Protein backbone atom coordinates (compact mmCIF):
# COMPACT_ATOMS: atom_id res chain seq x y z
CA MET A 1 -86.41 17.95 25.07
CA GLN A 2 -86.44 21.36 23.65
CA ALA A 3 -85.97 22.03 20.04
CA PHE A 4 -82.88 24.23 19.05
CA ARG A 5 -82.77 26.77 16.30
CA ARG A 6 -79.25 26.56 14.76
CA GLU A 7 -79.59 30.19 13.40
CA ALA A 8 -80.00 31.51 16.86
CA LEU A 9 -76.49 31.28 18.65
CA TRP A 10 -76.92 33.92 21.23
CA PRO A 11 -75.45 36.44 21.69
CA PHE A 12 -74.85 36.85 18.07
CA GLY A 13 -78.29 35.34 17.09
CA LYS A 14 -81.67 36.95 16.92
CA VAL A 15 -82.77 38.59 20.24
CA GLY A 16 -86.45 37.40 19.80
CA ASP A 17 -85.77 33.67 19.12
CA THR A 18 -87.70 31.36 21.31
CA THR A 19 -84.43 29.55 22.32
CA THR A 20 -80.94 30.11 21.78
CA THR A 21 -77.80 28.07 21.82
CA LEU A 22 -74.70 28.49 23.68
CA GLY A 23 -72.65 25.17 23.48
CA LEU A 24 -75.31 22.58 24.59
CA VAL A 25 -77.18 24.94 26.95
CA PRO A 26 -80.60 26.07 26.00
CA ILE A 27 -81.34 29.61 27.17
CA PRO A 28 -85.08 30.33 27.04
CA LYS A 29 -86.33 33.85 25.80
CA ARG A 30 -85.78 36.28 28.73
CA GLY A 31 -84.80 39.80 29.52
CA LYS A 32 -81.67 41.19 28.26
CA ALA A 33 -80.03 41.64 31.70
CA VAL A 34 -80.89 37.75 32.55
CA ARG A 35 -79.44 36.62 29.35
CA LEU A 36 -76.20 38.59 29.77
CA ALA A 37 -75.76 37.10 33.28
CA ILE A 38 -76.00 33.63 32.17
CA PHE A 39 -73.55 34.35 29.37
CA CYS A 40 -71.10 35.69 31.72
CA ALA A 41 -71.51 32.72 34.07
CA LEU A 42 -70.93 30.23 31.30
CA LEU A 43 -67.91 32.31 30.08
CA CYS A 44 -66.41 32.27 33.49
CA LEU A 45 -66.55 28.46 33.53
CA CYS A 46 -64.64 28.41 30.22
CA LEU A 47 -61.77 30.83 31.18
CA PRO A 48 -60.10 28.67 33.67
CA ARG A 49 -59.88 25.75 31.11
CA GLN A 50 -58.61 28.13 28.48
CA ALA A 51 -55.90 29.64 30.81
CA ALA A 52 -54.80 26.04 31.85
CA ALA A 53 -54.51 25.09 28.11
CA GLU A 54 -52.36 28.17 27.49
CA ALA A 55 -50.20 27.43 30.57
CA ASP A 56 -49.69 23.76 29.44
CA SER A 57 -48.62 24.97 25.89
CA SER A 58 -45.91 27.24 27.28
CA THR A 59 -42.20 26.58 26.68
CA LEU A 60 -41.41 26.32 30.38
CA ALA A 61 -44.18 23.56 30.70
CA HIS A 62 -42.98 21.71 27.65
CA VAL A 63 -39.48 21.68 28.93
CA ARG A 64 -40.46 20.40 32.34
CA ALA A 65 -42.75 17.81 30.88
CA ASN A 66 -40.10 16.53 28.41
CA LYS A 67 -37.46 16.63 31.25
CA ASP A 68 -34.94 18.07 28.70
CA LEU A 69 -34.22 21.39 27.31
CA ARG A 70 -33.92 21.24 23.50
CA CYS A 71 -31.04 23.62 22.65
CA ALA A 72 -29.93 24.11 19.17
CA VAL A 73 -26.18 24.52 18.59
CA TYR A 74 -23.94 24.40 15.51
CA PRO A 75 -21.37 21.52 15.17
CA ASP A 76 -18.73 23.92 15.16
CA ASP A 77 -14.80 24.21 16.11
CA VAL A 78 -13.50 23.57 19.64
CA GLY A 79 -14.34 26.59 21.84
CA ARG A 80 -17.68 27.51 20.48
CA SER A 81 -19.75 24.26 20.27
CA ALA A 82 -18.27 21.01 19.55
CA ILE A 83 -18.41 17.37 20.54
CA ASP A 84 -15.19 16.30 22.45
CA SER A 85 -13.32 12.95 22.25
CA ALA A 86 -15.61 11.54 24.90
CA GLY A 87 -18.71 12.40 22.90
CA ASN A 88 -19.77 15.35 25.06
CA TRP A 89 -20.81 18.70 23.75
CA GLN A 90 -18.29 21.52 24.87
CA GLY A 91 -17.98 25.29 24.25
CA PHE A 92 -18.94 28.81 25.14
CA TYR A 93 -22.53 28.39 23.62
CA VAL A 94 -22.94 24.99 25.03
CA GLU A 95 -22.36 26.45 28.68
CA PHE A 96 -25.36 28.70 28.10
CA CYS A 97 -27.39 25.62 27.17
CA ARG A 98 -26.33 23.79 30.51
CA ALA A 99 -27.01 27.22 32.53
CA VAL A 100 -30.54 27.20 31.23
CA ALA A 101 -31.14 23.61 31.87
CA ALA A 102 -29.82 23.86 35.38
CA ALA A 103 -31.99 26.94 36.11
CA VAL A 104 -35.16 25.37 34.90
CA LEU A 105 -34.67 21.64 35.61
CA GLY A 106 -32.08 21.78 38.32
CA ASP A 107 -29.63 19.72 36.36
CA PRO A 108 -27.26 21.01 33.57
CA ASN A 109 -27.13 17.68 31.98
CA PHE A 110 -30.82 17.67 31.03
CA VAL A 111 -30.21 18.99 27.46
CA GLU A 112 -30.99 17.57 24.20
CA TYR A 113 -28.64 19.13 21.60
CA ILE A 114 -30.14 19.82 18.37
CA GLU A 115 -27.75 20.35 15.61
CA VAL A 116 -28.44 23.34 13.32
CA GLY A 117 -26.77 25.33 10.57
CA SER A 118 -26.92 28.79 9.13
CA GLY A 119 -29.97 27.69 7.00
CA THR A 120 -31.84 26.08 9.67
CA ARG A 121 -31.21 28.03 13.02
CA PHE A 122 -34.26 30.08 12.44
CA SER A 123 -36.72 27.56 11.00
CA ALA A 124 -35.81 25.11 13.82
CA LEU A 125 -37.46 27.59 16.33
CA ALA A 126 -40.48 28.31 13.95
CA GLU A 127 -41.20 24.76 13.55
CA LYS A 128 -40.72 24.19 17.27
CA LYS A 129 -37.95 21.66 16.93
CA THR A 130 -36.06 23.65 19.55
CA ASP A 131 -36.70 25.66 22.67
CA VAL A 132 -33.62 28.07 22.35
CA VAL A 133 -30.82 28.56 19.75
CA MET A 134 -27.17 29.17 21.13
CA TYR A 135 -25.45 30.15 18.18
CA SER A 136 -23.15 32.85 16.91
CA SER A 137 -26.04 34.76 15.41
CA THR A 138 -25.97 38.60 15.26
CA TRP A 139 -29.16 40.33 16.57
CA THR A 140 -30.79 42.32 13.89
CA LEU A 141 -34.20 43.99 13.96
CA GLY A 142 -34.92 42.53 10.63
CA ARG A 143 -34.20 39.00 11.68
CA GLU A 144 -36.68 39.35 14.63
CA ALA A 145 -39.28 40.69 12.24
CA ASP A 146 -38.70 38.14 9.47
CA TYR A 147 -38.36 34.96 11.44
CA LYS A 148 -40.81 35.76 14.45
CA ILE A 149 -37.87 35.40 16.91
CA ILE A 150 -36.41 37.37 19.67
CA PHE A 151 -32.99 38.01 20.90
CA PRO A 152 -33.47 38.23 24.54
CA VAL A 153 -30.15 39.39 25.57
CA VAL A 154 -26.52 39.64 24.28
CA TYR A 155 -23.65 37.15 25.46
CA LEU A 156 -21.03 38.22 23.22
CA PHE A 157 -20.07 41.58 21.84
CA ASP A 158 -18.14 41.11 18.52
CA GLY A 159 -17.40 42.79 15.22
CA GLN A 160 -16.49 41.99 11.71
CA GLY A 161 -12.84 41.76 10.88
CA PHE A 162 -10.23 40.40 8.46
CA MET A 163 -7.62 37.69 8.64
CA VAL A 164 -4.61 37.62 6.31
CA ARG A 165 -1.37 35.73 5.99
CA ALA A 166 1.25 37.31 8.25
CA ALA A 167 3.74 37.07 5.32
CA SER A 168 1.34 38.96 2.84
CA GLY A 169 2.40 42.46 3.82
CA ILE A 170 -1.33 43.33 4.30
CA LYS A 171 -1.57 45.48 7.48
CA SER A 172 -4.78 47.46 7.17
CA LEU A 173 -7.91 47.70 5.14
CA ASN A 174 -6.32 49.81 2.62
CA ASP A 175 -3.96 47.28 1.79
CA LEU A 176 -6.70 45.03 0.53
CA LYS A 177 -7.22 47.25 -2.71
CA GLY A 178 -7.37 44.83 -5.69
CA LYS A 179 -7.15 41.73 -3.45
CA THR A 180 -9.57 38.71 -3.17
CA ILE A 181 -11.50 38.34 0.01
CA CYS A 182 -13.43 35.11 1.06
CA VAL A 183 -16.80 35.43 2.83
CA THR A 184 -19.65 33.13 3.75
CA ALA A 185 -22.39 33.48 1.29
CA ASN A 186 -25.91 34.99 2.15
CA THR A 187 -24.95 36.58 5.53
CA SER A 188 -24.89 40.00 6.98
CA THR A 189 -21.10 39.78 6.86
CA GLU A 190 -21.21 39.57 2.98
CA ARG A 191 -23.50 42.55 2.80
CA ASN A 192 -21.28 44.59 5.06
CA LEU A 193 -18.14 43.62 2.92
CA GLU A 194 -20.08 44.62 -0.19
CA ALA A 195 -20.74 48.05 1.26
CA LEU A 196 -17.27 48.41 2.55
CA ILE A 197 -15.79 47.80 -0.85
CA ARG A 198 -18.04 50.43 -2.38
CA THR A 199 -17.48 53.17 0.24
CA ARG A 200 -13.69 52.62 0.51
CA HIS A 201 -13.37 52.10 -3.13
CA LEU A 202 -11.24 48.93 -2.59
CA ASP A 203 -11.86 47.35 -5.95
CA ALA A 204 -11.65 43.91 -4.29
CA LYS A 205 -12.94 40.82 -5.50
CA VAL A 206 -15.58 38.95 -3.40
CA ILE A 207 -15.40 35.18 -3.33
CA GLU A 208 -18.29 33.16 -1.55
CA SER A 209 -16.41 30.66 0.35
CA ASN A 210 -15.63 29.84 4.00
CA GLY A 211 -12.40 29.94 5.85
CA ASP A 212 -11.17 26.37 4.47
CA SER A 213 -10.77 28.06 1.10
CA PHE A 214 -8.74 30.81 2.49
CA PHE A 215 -6.46 28.39 4.30
CA ARG A 216 -6.01 26.60 1.20
CA GLY A 217 -4.84 29.73 -0.60
CA GLY A 218 -8.15 30.42 -2.38
CA CYS A 219 -8.11 34.16 -1.53
CA ASP A 220 -5.98 36.96 0.01
CA ALA A 221 -8.21 37.55 3.05
CA TYR A 222 -11.04 36.08 4.93
CA THR A 223 -13.66 38.12 6.60
CA ALA A 224 -16.02 37.22 9.58
CA ASP A 225 -16.69 38.20 12.98
CA ARG A 226 -13.35 38.45 14.86
CA MET A 227 -14.30 35.56 17.23
CA ASN A 228 -14.94 33.48 14.33
CA LEU A 229 -11.67 34.38 12.66
CA ALA A 230 -9.66 33.45 15.94
CA THR A 231 -11.47 30.23 16.19
CA ASN A 232 -10.77 29.19 12.66
CA ARG A 233 -7.10 30.22 12.93
CA ALA A 234 -6.80 28.10 16.10
CA ASN A 235 -8.61 24.96 14.72
CA ARG A 236 -7.95 24.93 10.98
CA ALA A 237 -4.56 26.53 10.29
CA ASP A 238 -1.75 24.20 10.00
CA ASP A 239 0.38 26.91 11.76
CA PRO A 240 -1.74 29.71 13.49
CA ALA A 241 1.34 31.92 13.95
CA GLN A 242 1.39 32.42 10.14
CA TYR A 243 -1.92 34.21 10.28
CA LEU A 244 -2.86 37.84 11.36
CA ILE A 245 -6.23 39.40 12.24
CA LEU A 246 -6.09 42.85 11.25
CA PRO A 247 -6.77 45.51 13.87
CA ASP A 248 -9.65 47.05 11.85
CA ILE A 249 -13.38 46.31 13.07
CA VAL A 250 -16.04 47.43 10.56
CA SER A 251 -19.26 46.44 12.13
CA ARG A 252 -21.34 45.96 15.41
CA GLU A 253 -21.99 42.41 16.00
CA PRO A 254 -24.18 41.69 19.13
CA ILE A 255 -24.26 38.07 19.46
CA GLY A 256 -27.11 36.32 21.42
CA PRO A 257 -29.38 33.34 21.97
CA MET A 258 -32.70 33.24 20.00
CA VAL A 259 -36.24 32.05 21.07
CA ARG A 260 -39.68 32.35 19.50
CA ASP A 261 -41.48 35.64 19.92
CA ASP A 262 -44.73 34.10 21.24
CA ASP A 263 -43.65 33.25 24.74
CA LEU A 264 -42.34 36.19 26.62
CA GLN A 265 -42.05 34.20 29.91
CA TRP A 266 -39.52 32.04 28.21
CA ALA A 267 -37.66 34.80 26.67
CA ARG A 268 -37.36 36.52 30.16
CA ILE A 269 -36.00 33.11 31.62
CA VAL A 270 -33.35 32.93 28.93
CA ARG A 271 -32.45 36.45 29.39
CA SER A 272 -32.38 36.28 33.14
CA VAL A 273 -30.08 33.22 33.19
CA VAL A 274 -27.28 35.12 31.01
CA ASP A 275 -27.88 38.26 33.25
CA ALA A 276 -27.48 36.09 36.31
CA LEU A 277 -23.96 34.72 35.15
CA ILE A 278 -22.90 38.35 34.50
CA LEU A 279 -24.13 39.60 37.81
CA ALA A 280 -22.37 36.74 39.62
CA GLU A 281 -19.00 37.86 38.07
CA ASP A 282 -19.86 41.57 38.90
CA LYS A 283 -20.24 40.37 42.54
CA GLY A 284 -17.26 38.22 42.72
CA ILE A 285 -19.24 35.02 42.91
CA THR A 286 -17.88 31.78 41.22
CA ALA A 287 -18.73 28.19 41.03
CA ALA A 288 -16.07 27.54 43.85
CA ASN A 289 -17.01 30.12 46.34
CA LEU A 290 -20.74 30.14 45.74
CA ASP A 291 -21.78 28.18 48.92
CA ALA A 292 -19.32 30.44 51.02
CA THR A 293 -20.88 33.72 49.61
CA GLU A 294 -22.04 35.95 52.51
CA SER A 295 -25.37 37.61 52.76
CA ASP A 296 -25.77 41.33 51.70
CA SER A 297 -28.80 41.81 53.94
CA GLY A 298 -31.44 41.39 50.98
CA GLY A 299 -29.47 43.12 48.43
CA GLU A 300 -28.83 41.74 44.90
CA VAL A 301 -26.51 38.91 46.14
CA ASP A 302 -29.37 37.50 48.23
CA ASN A 303 -31.90 38.09 45.42
CA LEU A 304 -29.57 36.45 42.98
CA LEU A 305 -29.19 33.41 45.04
CA GLY A 306 -32.72 33.12 46.20
CA ARG A 307 -32.28 33.90 49.80
CA THR A 308 -34.60 36.84 49.67
CA GLY A 309 -37.03 38.47 47.03
CA LYS A 310 -39.26 36.84 44.66
CA ILE A 311 -37.41 36.76 41.33
CA GLY A 312 -37.79 33.05 41.00
CA GLN A 313 -41.42 33.06 41.61
CA GLN A 314 -41.89 35.78 39.07
CA LEU A 315 -40.15 33.74 36.45
CA GLY A 316 -41.91 30.57 37.22
CA LEU A 317 -38.84 28.91 38.62
CA ASP A 318 -37.33 27.64 41.74
CA ASP A 319 -36.08 30.36 44.12
CA LYS A 320 -32.53 28.80 43.75
CA TRP A 321 -32.59 28.98 39.77
CA ALA A 322 -29.60 31.24 39.48
CA TYR A 323 -27.67 29.37 42.38
CA TYR A 324 -28.21 26.21 40.35
CA ALA A 325 -27.02 27.89 37.00
CA ILE A 326 -23.80 29.43 38.62
CA LYS A 327 -23.06 26.18 40.29
CA ALA A 328 -23.20 24.26 37.01
CA VAL A 329 -21.22 26.59 34.80
CA GLY A 330 -19.63 29.34 36.81
CA ASN A 331 -19.94 32.92 36.12
CA TYR A 332 -19.67 34.68 32.73
CA GLY A 333 -15.95 35.34 33.15
CA GLU A 334 -15.36 31.81 34.07
CA ILE A 335 -16.89 30.60 30.80
CA TYR A 336 -15.09 33.30 28.68
CA GLU A 337 -11.79 32.36 29.98
CA LYS A 338 -12.44 28.77 29.69
CA PHE A 339 -13.21 28.64 26.05
CA PHE A 340 -11.95 32.07 24.54
CA GLY A 341 -9.43 33.48 26.75
CA PRO A 342 -5.80 34.12 26.33
CA LYS A 343 -4.73 30.79 27.74
CA THR A 344 -6.84 28.94 25.25
CA PRO A 345 -5.73 28.29 21.58
CA ILE A 346 -8.33 30.90 20.44
CA GLY A 347 -6.54 33.41 22.67
CA VAL A 348 -8.88 36.39 22.49
CA GLU A 349 -8.82 39.18 25.24
CA ARG A 350 -12.08 40.18 26.73
CA GLY A 351 -12.25 43.59 25.14
CA LEU A 352 -15.80 44.80 24.86
CA ASN A 353 -16.82 41.57 26.72
CA ARG A 354 -15.26 42.87 29.93
CA LEU A 355 -17.63 43.99 32.85
CA TRP A 356 -18.89 47.63 32.76
CA SER A 357 -16.61 48.34 35.78
CA GLN A 358 -13.70 47.28 33.80
CA GLY A 359 -14.29 49.29 30.66
CA GLY A 360 -16.45 46.76 28.81
CA LEU A 361 -20.22 46.60 27.90
CA LEU A 362 -21.37 43.68 30.23
CA TYR A 363 -23.79 44.61 32.75
CA ALA A 364 -26.83 43.12 34.26
CA PRO A 365 -30.15 44.76 35.21
CA ASP A 366 -30.70 45.40 38.92
CA PHE A 367 -31.63 42.18 40.69
CA GLN A 368 -34.21 43.97 42.94
């Protein structure tokens, strides 16, 4: 057996060594071109193994191997994400968990719900305890950079507002001068409030507390995203009619799911599922009429439903991925109306969350 010289680890070792080592393969002293050819051949043998290892470590591969989507949600009020009397998770954000599971695994019930809070929603991703977070988190560039995450899409356009008691006489922001305002601590909402007080010279006192304190009389007003305010009013107030949400909106709050920034394929999948539900509404496709939807000769409808095109293959999914998602939860409008709409206790009009063709901000990229 030939002797090996440890200091000669070609191609980084000494060119003139009698033998060099690449793994366990001795390479005799030869011409530079021959040595290069041998190295390239061995490298080609290693690359498929490396590619396979990387594929196996992808989020999609993990979800399929686990046969469950680990979806992080906040144990919240009814309407957003909460466990019902039958022990099942229900709510706007929960439906997007179910839609992704249906698209990836073919069944909306293949979801493992991971409970997170404001302090763990980011760390749960970093520690790979969850595959996606469906939460009322505002998309900011700083959060993406600080926590190494991506907001692949927006599923709710919101804005910061204020709630007061209807009998208080407060009708606008100017009426908050000298008042006490409750806000959740260490949030972008609190930073927005502090800036607003300075610029509007409101001379208001900030109290770091949640909505419960407001309903107990601990402050004159409560500020949060307007959907948050409406949800709190519907679920926590003894008499919702006694509380008023002011018409003022003081911030942009694009709300979306969160994923890690190390898996672009998975980010595209989550984004595409939300976009598919938006496009379904745009095309008039519902869970009820899905099977009766006529072909549009290879257009967006056929591409969406997997009859034509190769979007499913490009995402690494079954051709009918969007069909499964729509069948499971309906289109975006159906989800919104079921949990947030005027006929629910939360009772919020679509507003900015209407389709682009109806004066809103919602539209999907071309499914071509």
